[in-house]
């Protein structure tokens, strides 16, 4: 289990983020600048609306301690490669999705450490671990920004190689995501069973509410239908892998995946149960 937490999890997340970066070009970021208001709305929804919804759900379900802090950790995480895949399946704006994921991932280097530090103290009180904002920021950089940058550099230097390897990297990233989720659930099986009655509905509601909110906000602000679908998915689909990977760093444990990572693990399963019917509905319109 120590090998899983200390080596396999970080390397898997790095591969997942590398697969994101290798699909990016400077043109993707230029498109963000050209459609700045669309990106701004998506970023605001992810950085502010999502944590607010998560906080309200935590209070509504009476959750506390590490479980509550874990839900907030999940809400602070940016959308991952999964959101890009789901956007493609929903026939959304894939370029917008990838650009949003990449830029929010870069911003999360600053936002996640501070917000996690607050939520841990707020919900865990005297039991809160000492969270080093600087250490967490460095970890975020190594796990997200650096692999994305390396991926972009590979595409710039060797575009032909990047085109050949990108489908394989995406497939590997998807496989690693599933394995991480399964490992996290198995290692916390007893704790999962004791919290599934309250935690499961809370996470399902978080996913459903945020996807619907993103769709409605996109419609209210006059976005095109592909853009509406993209904002909906980017706000509603979170990077549970990042939450699981950061959990041991936050809790300060060397073995196993701590309780604060459990919501991210369970979310990785519930997300598909709630998102697949929603995506099929989006495709039908």
Protein backbone atom coordinates (compact mmCIF):
# COMPACT_ATOMS: atom_id res chain seq x y z
CA UNK A 1 0.00 0.00 0.00
CA UNK A 2 2.93 2.36 0.69
CA UNK A 3 4.11 1.85 -2.89
CA UNK A 4 0.59 2.65 -4.15
CA UNK A 5 0.37 5.91 -2.17
CA UNK A 6 3.94 7.14 -2.56
CA UNK A 7 4.81 6.05 -6.10
CA UNK A 8 1.93 4.62 -8.16
CA UNK A 9 -0.64 7.34 -7.38
CA UNK A 10 1.61 10.35 -8.16
CA UNK A 11 3.03 8.73 -11.31
CA UNK A 12 -0.45 7.78 -12.51
CA UNK A 13 -1.72 11.32 -12.06
CA UNK A 14 1.37 12.67 -13.84
CA UNK A 15 0.64 10.38 -16.81
CA UNK A 16 -2.99 11.52 -16.82
CA UNK A 17 -1.95 15.19 -16.89
CA UNK A 18 0.73 14.45 -19.51
CA UNK A 19 -2.01 13.01 -21.74
CA UNK A 20 -3.86 16.31 -21.33
CA UNK A 21 -0.83 18.43 -22.16
CA UNK A 22 0.18 16.45 -25.24
CA UNK A 23 -3.16 17.31 -26.81
CA UNK A 24 -2.71 21.06 -26.26
CA UNK A 25 -1.31 23.66 -28.65
CA UNK A 26 -0.88 27.44 -28.27
CA UNK A 27 -3.92 27.76 -30.56
CA UNK A 28 -6.09 26.30 -27.79
CA UNK A 29 -5.12 29.14 -25.49
CA UNK A 30 -5.62 31.71 -28.23
CA UNK A 31 -9.17 30.43 -28.61
CA UNK A 32 -9.67 31.04 -24.89
CA UNK A 33 -8.49 34.64 -25.34
CA UNK A 34 -10.79 35.11 -28.33
CA UNK A 35 -13.80 33.81 -26.38
CA UNK A 36 -12.73 35.20 -23.04
CA UNK A 37 -16.21 35.67 -21.63
CA UNK A 38 -17.07 32.01 -22.18
CA UNK A 39 -13.90 30.93 -20.43
CA UNK A 40 -14.45 33.47 -17.64
CA UNK A 41 -17.93 32.09 -16.93
CA UNK A 42 -16.63 28.53 -16.90
CA UNK A 43 -13.74 29.46 -14.60
CA UNK A 44 -16.04 31.34 -12.19
CA UNK A 45 -18.39 28.37 -12.05
CA UNK A 46 -15.54 25.98 -11.28
CA UNK A 47 -13.67 28.18 -8.82
CA UNK A 48 -16.64 29.65 -6.93
CA UNK A 49 -20.00 28.04 -7.75
CA UNK A 50 -18.82 24.44 -7.32
CA UNK A 51 -17.31 24.91 -3.82
CA UNK A 52 -20.41 26.83 -2.70
CA UNK A 53 -22.70 24.01 -3.88
CA UNK A 54 -20.44 21.45 -2.16
CA UNK A 55 -20.51 23.42 1.10
CA UNK A 56 -24.31 23.67 1.04
CA UNK A 57 -24.60 19.92 0.39
CA UNK A 58 -22.21 19.13 3.25
CA UNK A 59 -24.38 21.19 5.60
CA UNK A 60 -27.63 19.77 4.23
CA UNK A 61 -26.50 16.17 4.79
CA UNK A 62 -25.01 16.91 8.19
CA UNK A 63 -21.56 15.68 7.20
CA UNK A 64 -18.53 16.58 9.29
CA UNK A 65 -14.87 15.85 9.97
CA UNK A 66 -12.62 14.31 7.34
CA UNK A 67 -15.57 13.23 5.16
CA UNK A 68 -16.82 16.83 4.89
CA UNK A 69 -13.29 18.10 4.25
CA UNK A 70 -12.92 15.39 1.60
CA UNK A 71 -16.00 16.59 -0.27
CA UNK A 72 -14.61 20.12 -0.25
CA UNK A 73 -11.24 18.81 -1.46
CA UNK A 74 -13.03 17.17 -4.39
CA UNK A 75 -14.87 20.43 -5.15
CA UNK A 76 -11.61 22.38 -5.17
CA UNK A 77 -10.02 20.02 -7.71
CA UNK A 78 -10.20 21.08 -11.36
CA UNK A 79 -11.82 18.97 -14.05
CA UNK A 80 -9.55 16.21 -15.31
CA UNK A 81 -9.02 14.39 -18.57
CA UNK A 82 -12.31 12.60 -17.91
CA UNK A 83 -14.22 15.83 -18.49
CA UNK A 84 -12.56 16.19 -21.90
CA UNK A 85 -13.57 12.64 -22.87
CA UNK A 86 -17.13 13.17 -21.64
CA UNK A 87 -17.33 16.46 -23.56
CA UNK A 88 -16.33 14.63 -26.72
CA UNK A 89 -19.01 11.99 -26.09
CA UNK A 90 -21.61 14.72 -25.52
CA UNK A 91 -20.58 16.46 -28.79
CA UNK A 92 -19.52 19.55 -26.92
CA UNK A 93 -16.71 22.02 -27.63
CA UNK A 94 -13.66 19.83 -27.01
CA UNK A 95 -11.15 22.64 -27.57
CA UNK A 96 -12.90 24.77 -24.95
CA UNK A 97 -13.03 21.80 -22.57
CA UNK A 98 -9.32 21.01 -22.88
CA UNK A 99 -8.35 24.67 -22.54
CA UNK A 100 -10.53 25.13 -19.46
CA UNK A 101 -9.14 21.97 -17.86
CA UNK A 102 -5.55 23.03 -18.52
CA UNK A 103 -5.87 26.62 -17.32
CA UNK A 104 -7.94 25.76 -14.23
CA UNK A 105 -5.36 23.07 -13.41
CA UNK A 106 -2.66 25.73 -13.51
CA UNK A 107 -4.71 28.09 -11.34
CA UNK A 108 -5.32 25.27 -8.87
CA UNK A 109 -1.66 25.39 -7.88
CA UNK A 110 -2.60 28.56 -6.01
CA UNK A 111 -6.25 27.98 -5.11
CA UNK A 112 -6.23 24.37 -3.88
CA UNK A 113 -3.57 24.65 -1.12
CA UNK A 114 -5.21 27.67 0.52
CA UNK A 115 -8.79 26.38 0.21
CA UNK A 116 -7.84 22.92 1.45
CA UNK A 117 -6.04 24.45 4.42
CA UNK A 118 -9.19 26.37 5.33
CA UNK A 119 -11.61 23.46 4.89
CA UNK A 120 -9.50 21.03 6.94
CA UNK A 121 -9.41 23.41 9.90
CA UNK A 122 -13.07 24.37 9.48
CA UNK A 123 -14.47 20.83 9.42
CA UNK A 124 -11.93 18.86 11.44
CA UNK A 125 -11.16 21.36 14.18
CA UNK A 126 -8.67 19.99 16.71
CA UNK A 127 -8.26 16.81 14.66
CA UNK A 128 -7.09 18.77 11.61
CA UNK A 129 -3.64 17.81 10.32
CA UNK A 130 -1.06 20.54 9.85
CA UNK A 131 -1.37 21.42 6.17
CA UNK A 132 1.69 23.04 4.60
CA UNK A 133 0.40 25.38 1.89
CA UNK A 134 3.85 25.63 0.33
CA UNK A 135 4.39 21.86 0.23
CA UNK A 136 0.93 21.32 -1.21
CA UNK A 137 1.52 24.00 -3.85
CA UNK A 138 4.81 22.35 -4.86
CA UNK A 139 3.07 18.97 -5.06
CA UNK A 140 0.32 20.51 -7.21
CA UNK A 141 2.94 21.95 -9.55
CA UNK A 142 4.76 18.63 -9.89
CA UNK A 143 1.55 16.64 -10.36
CA UNK A 144 -0.32 18.97 -12.72
CA UNK A 145 1.50 21.94 -14.24
CA UNK A 146 4.80 20.19 -14.96
CA UNK A 147 3.32 17.14 -16.80
CA UNK A 148 1.00 19.41 -18.81
CA UNK A 149 3.97 21.61 -19.78
CA UNK A 150 6.05 18.57 -20.75
CA UNK A 151 3.16 17.30 -22.88
CA UNK A 152 2.86 20.63 -24.66
CA UNK A 153 6.63 20.71 -25.22
CA UNK A 154 6.52 17.24 -26.79
CA UNK A 155 3.76 18.34 -29.18
CA UNK A 156 5.72 21.46 -30.11
CA UNK A 157 9.01 19.64 -30.70
CA UNK A 158 7.66 16.44 -32.26
CA UNK A 159 4.05 16.91 -33.44
CA UNK A 160 4.07 13.68 -35.44
CA UNK A 161 5.17 11.65 -32.44
CA UNK A 162 2.59 13.47 -30.28
CA UNK A 163 -0.19 12.57 -32.71
CA UNK A 164 0.83 8.91 -32.66
CA UNK A 165 1.19 8.61 -28.90
CA UNK A 166 -1.80 10.75 -27.82
CA UNK A 167 -4.50 8.05 -28.30
CA UNK A 168 -2.39 5.55 -26.36
CA UNK A 169 -1.75 8.01 -23.56
CA UNK A 170 -5.45 8.85 -23.30
CA UNK A 171 -6.29 5.12 -23.14
CA UNK A 172 -3.60 4.57 -20.51
CA UNK A 173 -4.85 7.58 -18.53
CA UNK A 174 -8.39 6.18 -18.56
CA UNK A 175 -7.17 2.78 -17.37
CA UNK A 176 -5.06 4.33 -14.60
CA UNK A 177 -8.05 6.41 -13.49
CA UNK A 178 -10.18 3.28 -13.08
CA UNK A 179 -7.42 1.40 -11.24
CA UNK A 180 -6.85 4.31 -8.84
CA UNK A 181 -10.55 4.53 -8.02
CA UNK A 182 -10.79 0.77 -7.42
CA UNK A 183 -7.68 0.71 -5.24
CA UNK A 184 -8.94 3.62 -3.13
CA UNK A 185 -12.33 1.97 -2.60
CA UNK A 186 -10.88 -1.45 -1.75
CA UNK A 187 -8.42 0.01 0.76
CA UNK A 188 -11.25 1.89 2.51
CA UNK A 189 -14.00 -0.70 2.10
CA UNK A 190 -15.18 -0.80 5.74
CA UNK A 191 -15.16 2.98 6.01
CA UNK A 192 -17.01 3.21 2.71
CA UNK A 193 -19.75 0.86 3.86
CA UNK A 194 -20.27 2.83 7.07
CA UNK A 195 -20.65 6.12 5.17
CA UNK A 196 -22.26 5.08 1.88
CA UNK A 197 -25.81 5.87 3.01
CA UNK A 198 -25.07 9.56 3.50
CA UNK A 199 -21.99 10.06 1.34
CA UNK A 200 -23.36 8.40 -1.81
CA UNK A 201 -26.48 10.59 -2.19
CA UNK A 202 -24.47 13.72 -1.29
CA UNK A 203 -21.92 13.05 -4.05
CA UNK A 204 -24.61 12.15 -6.58
CA UNK A 205 -26.44 15.38 -5.79
CA UNK A 206 -23.20 17.36 -6.12
CA UNK A 207 -22.64 15.93 -9.59
CA UNK A 208 -26.23 16.44 -10.77
CA UNK A 209 -26.68 19.96 -9.37
CA UNK A 210 -23.40 21.26 -10.75
CA UNK A 211 -24.00 19.81 -14.23
CA UNK A 212 -27.48 21.32 -14.38
CA UNK A 213 -26.24 24.65 -12.98
CA UNK A 214 -23.50 24.83 -15.62
CA UNK A 215 -26.02 24.10 -18.37
CA UNK A 216 -28.49 26.72 -17.13
CA UNK A 217 -25.81 29.38 -16.65
CA UNK A 218 -24.49 28.71 -20.16
CA UNK A 219 -27.98 29.12 -21.59
CA UNK A 220 -28.68 32.27 -19.56
CA UNK A 221 -25.49 33.91 -20.82
CA UNK A 222 -26.23 33.20 -24.48
CA UNK A 223 -23.66 30.50 -25.18
CA UNK A 224 -24.00 28.16 -28.13
CA UNK A 225 -25.35 24.67 -27.44
CA UNK A 226 -21.90 22.99 -27.68
CA UNK A 227 -20.52 25.63 -25.29
CA UNK A 228 -23.39 25.08 -22.86
CA UNK A 229 -22.72 21.35 -22.82
CA UNK A 230 -19.01 21.95 -22.28
CA UNK A 231 -19.49 24.31 -19.33
CA UNK A 232 -21.98 21.88 -17.82
CA UNK A 233 -19.52 18.99 -17.98
CA UNK A 234 -16.49 21.01 -16.90
CA UNK A 235 -18.33 22.22 -13.80
CA UNK A 236 -19.94 18.87 -13.03
CA UNK A 237 -17.04 16.45 -13.63
CA UNK A 238 -14.14 16.74 -11.17
CA UNK A 239 -10.65 15.26 -11.06
CA UNK A 240 -11.20 12.62 -8.39
CA UNK A 241 -7.75 11.21 -9.11
CA UNK A 242 -6.16 14.44 -7.91
CA UNK A 243 -8.24 14.36 -4.73
CA UNK A 244 -7.15 10.79 -3.99
CA UNK A 245 -3.50 11.63 -4.70
CA UNK A 246 -3.48 14.74 -2.52
CA UNK A 247 -5.28 13.07 0.41
CA UNK A 248 -2.19 11.35 1.90
CA UNK A 249 -0.19 14.57 1.55
CA UNK A 250 -2.90 16.51 3.38
CA UNK A 251 -3.39 13.91 6.12
CA UNK A 252 0.35 13.37 6.50
CA UNK A 253 0.17 9.59 6.20
CA UNK A 254 2.65 7.31 4.45
CA UNK A 255 0.51 4.18 4.21
CA UNK A 256 -2.96 3.77 2.81
CA UNK A 257 -5.46 6.33 1.54
CA UNK A 258 -6.92 8.37 4.41
CA UNK A 259 -10.57 9.18 5.06
CA UNK A 260 -10.31 12.61 3.44
CA UNK A 261 -9.67 10.85 0.11
CA UNK A 262 -12.75 8.62 0.35
CA UNK A 263 -15.23 11.10 -1.24
CA UNK A 264 -12.96 11.48 -4.28
CA UNK A 265 -12.76 7.69 -4.65
CA UNK A 266 -16.50 7.11 -4.36
CA UNK A 267 -17.19 10.08 -6.63
CA UNK A 268 -15.17 8.37 -9.35
CA UNK A 269 -17.81 5.61 -9.41
CA UNK A 270 -20.95 7.67 -8.79
CA UNK A 271 -19.94 10.21 -11.43
CA UNK A 272 -20.44 7.64 -14.19
CA UNK A 273 -23.81 6.51 -12.84
CA UNK A 274 -25.18 10.06 -12.86
CA UNK A 275 -23.26 11.54 -15.80
CA UNK A 276 -23.89 8.84 -18.43
CA UNK A 277 -27.70 9.35 -18.60
CA UNK A 278 -27.10 13.11 -18.63
CA UNK A 279 -24.61 12.84 -21.50
CA UNK A 280 -26.98 10.64 -23.49
CA UNK A 281 -29.67 13.30 -23.04
CA UNK A 282 -27.23 16.00 -24.20
CA UNK A 283 -26.37 13.96 -27.30
CA UNK A 284 -30.04 13.56 -28.18
CA UNK A 285 -30.64 17.30 -28.39
